[in-house]
Amino acid sequence: MRLSDKTTKHKDFIRLYSDKMGCSEKNAEKYLEGFIDTLYDCMKAKSSITIQHLGKFYVSERKESTAFKFNPSQKMKAILGWSSNYKGNI
C-alpha cells in the first residue's frame, strides 16, 4: 500500500499503526477502538477534546441542530499546506 493513495482503508491503517507502534495488528486495533470509544464518550457528554498535533473536536449546539466540529492543529494545517505558524518537522 502506498501512502499517496487517495483512501487508506481501515485494515491498511491498522497495519501502518501497528508497524509504527511496534505491536501486533490485534493490539493496534484494540488501541484504535479504545481511542474512538473514548472520543465518542466525550462527544456524548458534549465535552470538547484537544489532541496535541491533531486538533480540537467539539460539539456545537444550535437552536435546531447539533453539529460535530473539528478544528485542526497548526501542525495539521501545515501538513495540508494551509496557513500555519507551525515550525517543527512534518
C-alpha atoms as a PDB file:
ATOM      1  CA  MET A   1       0.000   0.000   0.000  1.00  0.00           C
ATOM      2  CA  ARG A   2       1.248   3.465  -0.903  1.00  0.00           C
ATOM      3  CA  LEU A   3       0.511   6.408   1.372  1.00  0.00           C
ATOM      4  CA  SER A   4      -0.148   8.513  -1.710  1.00  0.00           C
ATOM      5  CA  ASP A   5      -3.370   6.564  -2.379  1.00  0.00           C
ATOM      6  CA  LYS A   6      -6.467   8.764  -2.013  1.00  0.00           C
ATOM      7  CA  THR A   7      -8.055   6.471   0.597  1.00  0.00           C
ATOM      8  CA  THR A   8      -6.330   4.416   3.279  1.00  0.00           C
ATOM      9  CA  LYS A   9      -8.600   1.525   4.188  1.00  0.00           C
ATOM     10  CA  HIS A  10      -9.124   0.560   7.824  1.00  0.00           C
ATOM     11  CA  LYS A  11      -7.082  -2.655   7.594  1.00  0.00           C
ATOM     12  CA  ASP A  12      -4.215  -0.781   5.921  1.00  0.00           C
ATOM     13  CA  PHE A  13      -4.330   1.941   8.573  1.00  0.00           C
ATOM     14  CA  ILE A  14      -4.167  -0.740  11.293  1.00  0.00           C
ATOM     15  CA  ARG A  15      -1.141  -2.279   9.571  1.00  0.00           C
ATOM     16  CA  LEU A  16       0.636   1.105   9.390  1.00  0.00           C
ATOM     17  CA  TYR A  17      -0.293   1.891  13.001  1.00  0.00           C
ATOM     18  CA  SER A  18       0.925  -1.481  14.289  1.00  0.00           C
ATOM     19  CA  ASP A  19       4.230  -1.012  12.447  1.00  0.00           C
ATOM     20  CA  LYS A  20       4.632   2.494  13.910  1.00  0.00           C
ATOM     21  CA  MET A  21       3.828   1.268  17.447  1.00  0.00           C
ATOM     22  CA  GLY A  22       5.833  -1.969  17.209  1.00  0.00           C
ATOM     23  CA  CYS A  23       2.841  -4.068  18.227  1.00  0.00           C
ATOM     24  CA  SER A  24       0.583  -6.674  16.690  1.00  0.00           C
ATOM     25  CA  GLU A  25      -2.255  -5.677  14.398  1.00  0.00           C
ATOM     26  CA  LYS A  26      -4.649  -7.104  17.010  1.00  0.00           C
ATOM     27  CA  ASN A  27      -3.282  -4.732  19.667  1.00  0.00           C
ATOM     28  CA  ALA A  28      -3.257  -1.795  17.245  1.00  0.00           C
ATOM     29  CA  GLU A  29      -6.940  -2.471  16.509  1.00  0.00           C
ATOM     30  CA  LYS A  30      -7.676  -2.637  20.231  1.00  0.00           C
ATOM     31  CA  TYR A  31      -5.891   0.691  20.892  1.00  0.00           C
ATOM     32  CA  LEU A  32      -7.661   2.394  17.985  1.00  0.00           C
ATOM     33  CA  GLU A  33     -11.065   1.127  19.157  1.00  0.00           C
ATOM     34  CA  GLY A  34     -10.288   2.418  22.666  1.00  0.00           C
ATOM     35  CA  PHE A  35      -9.378   5.837  21.276  1.00  0.00           C
ATOM     36  CA  ILE A  36     -12.555   6.024  19.204  1.00  0.00           C
ATOM     37  CA  ASP A  37     -14.778   4.817  22.082  1.00  0.00           C
ATOM     38  CA  THR A  38     -13.248   7.445  24.386  1.00  0.00           C
ATOM     39  CA  LEU A  39     -13.801  10.133  21.753  1.00  0.00           C
ATOM     40  CA  TYR A  40     -17.457   9.023  21.474  1.00  0.00           C
ATOM     41  CA  ASP A  41     -17.867   9.128  25.269  1.00  0.00           C
ATOM     42  CA  CYS A  42     -16.584  12.705  25.344  1.00  0.00           C
ATOM     43  CA  MET A  43     -18.861  13.705  22.467  1.00  0.00           C
ATOM     44  CA  LYS A  44     -21.898  12.159  24.228  1.00  0.00           C
ATOM     45  CA  ALA A  45     -21.015  14.280  27.275  1.00  0.00           C
ATOM     46  CA  LYS A  46     -20.712  17.303  24.941  1.00  0.00           C
ATOM     47  CA  SER A  47     -17.131  17.754  26.099  1.00  0.00           C
ATOM     48  CA  SER A  48     -14.524  19.160  23.739  1.00  0.00           C
ATOM     49  CA  ILE A  49     -11.298  17.213  23.222  1.00  0.00           C
ATOM     50  CA  THR A  50      -7.983  18.729  22.217  1.00  0.00           C
ATOM     51  CA  ILE A  51      -5.351  16.292  20.980  1.00  0.00           C
ATOM     52  CA  GLN A  52      -1.882  17.790  20.605  1.00  0.00           C
ATOM     53  CA  HIS A  53      -0.678  17.916  16.973  1.00  0.00           C
ATOM     54  CA  LEU A  54      -4.103  16.768  15.709  1.00  0.00           C
ATOM     55  CA  GLY A  55      -6.677  19.350  16.725  1.00  0.00           C
ATOM     56  CA  LYS A  56      -9.819  20.041  18.695  1.00  0.00           C
ATOM     57  CA  PHE A  57     -13.035  18.028  18.401  1.00  0.00           C
ATOM     58  CA  TYR A  58     -16.181  19.609  19.772  1.00  0.00           C
ATOM     59  CA  VAL A  59     -19.961  19.743  19.643  1.00  0.00           C
ATOM     60  CA  SER A  60     -21.675  22.976  18.658  1.00  0.00           C
ATOM     61  CA  GLU A  61     -25.315  23.184  19.691  1.00  0.00           C
ATOM     62  CA  ARG A  62     -27.644  25.422  17.748  1.00  0.00           C
ATOM     63  CA  LYS A  63     -31.355  26.139  18.026  1.00  0.00           C
ATOM     64  CA  GLU A  64     -32.453  23.430  15.580  1.00  0.00           C
ATOM     65  CA  SER A  65     -29.438  21.153  15.423  1.00  0.00           C
ATOM     66  CA  THR A  66     -26.201  19.905  16.889  1.00  0.00           C
ATOM     67  CA  ALA A  67     -23.004  19.911  14.827  1.00  0.00           C
ATOM     68  CA  PHE A  68     -19.790  17.953  15.295  1.00  0.00           C
ATOM     69  CA  LYS A  69     -16.803  20.141  14.533  1.00  0.00           C
ATOM     70  CA  PHE A  70     -13.082  19.694  14.134  1.00  0.00           C
ATOM     71  CA  ASN A  71     -10.510  22.480  14.297  1.00  0.00           C
ATOM     72  CA  PRO A  72      -7.152  21.179  13.008  1.00  0.00           C
ATOM     73  CA  SER A  73      -3.924  21.859  14.881  1.00  0.00           C
ATOM     74  CA  GLN A  74      -1.244  24.128  13.469  1.00  0.00           C
ATOM     75  CA  LYS A  75       0.779  21.020  12.554  1.00  0.00           C
ATOM     76  CA  MET A  76      -2.196  19.530  10.676  1.00  0.00           C
ATOM     77  CA  LYS A  77      -2.716  22.830   8.849  1.00  0.00           C
ATOM     78  CA  ALA A  78       0.970  22.866   7.846  1.00  0.00           C
ATOM     79  CA  ILE A  79       0.761  19.260   6.594  1.00  0.00           C
ATOM     80  CA  LEU A  80      -2.257  20.218   4.458  1.00  0.00           C
ATOM     81  CA  GLY A  81      -0.471  23.308   3.115  1.00  0.00           C
ATOM     82  CA  TRP A  82      -2.828  25.721   4.892  1.00  0.00           C
ATOM     83  CA  SER A  83      -1.716  28.926   6.572  1.00  0.00           C
ATOM     84  CA  SER A  84       0.053  27.900   9.790  1.00  0.00           C
ATOM     85  CA  ASN A  85       2.627  29.090  12.275  1.00  0.00           C
ATOM     86  CA  TYR A  86       3.939  25.548  12.944  1.00  0.00           C
ATOM     87  CA  LYS A  87       7.760  25.435  12.982  1.00  0.00           C
ATOM     88  CA  GLY A  88       8.503  21.751  13.726  1.00  0.00           C
ATOM     89  CA  ASN A  89       9.221  18.792  11.457  1.00  0.00           C
ATOM     90  CA  ILE A  90       6.498  17.437   9.235  1.00  0.00           C
END
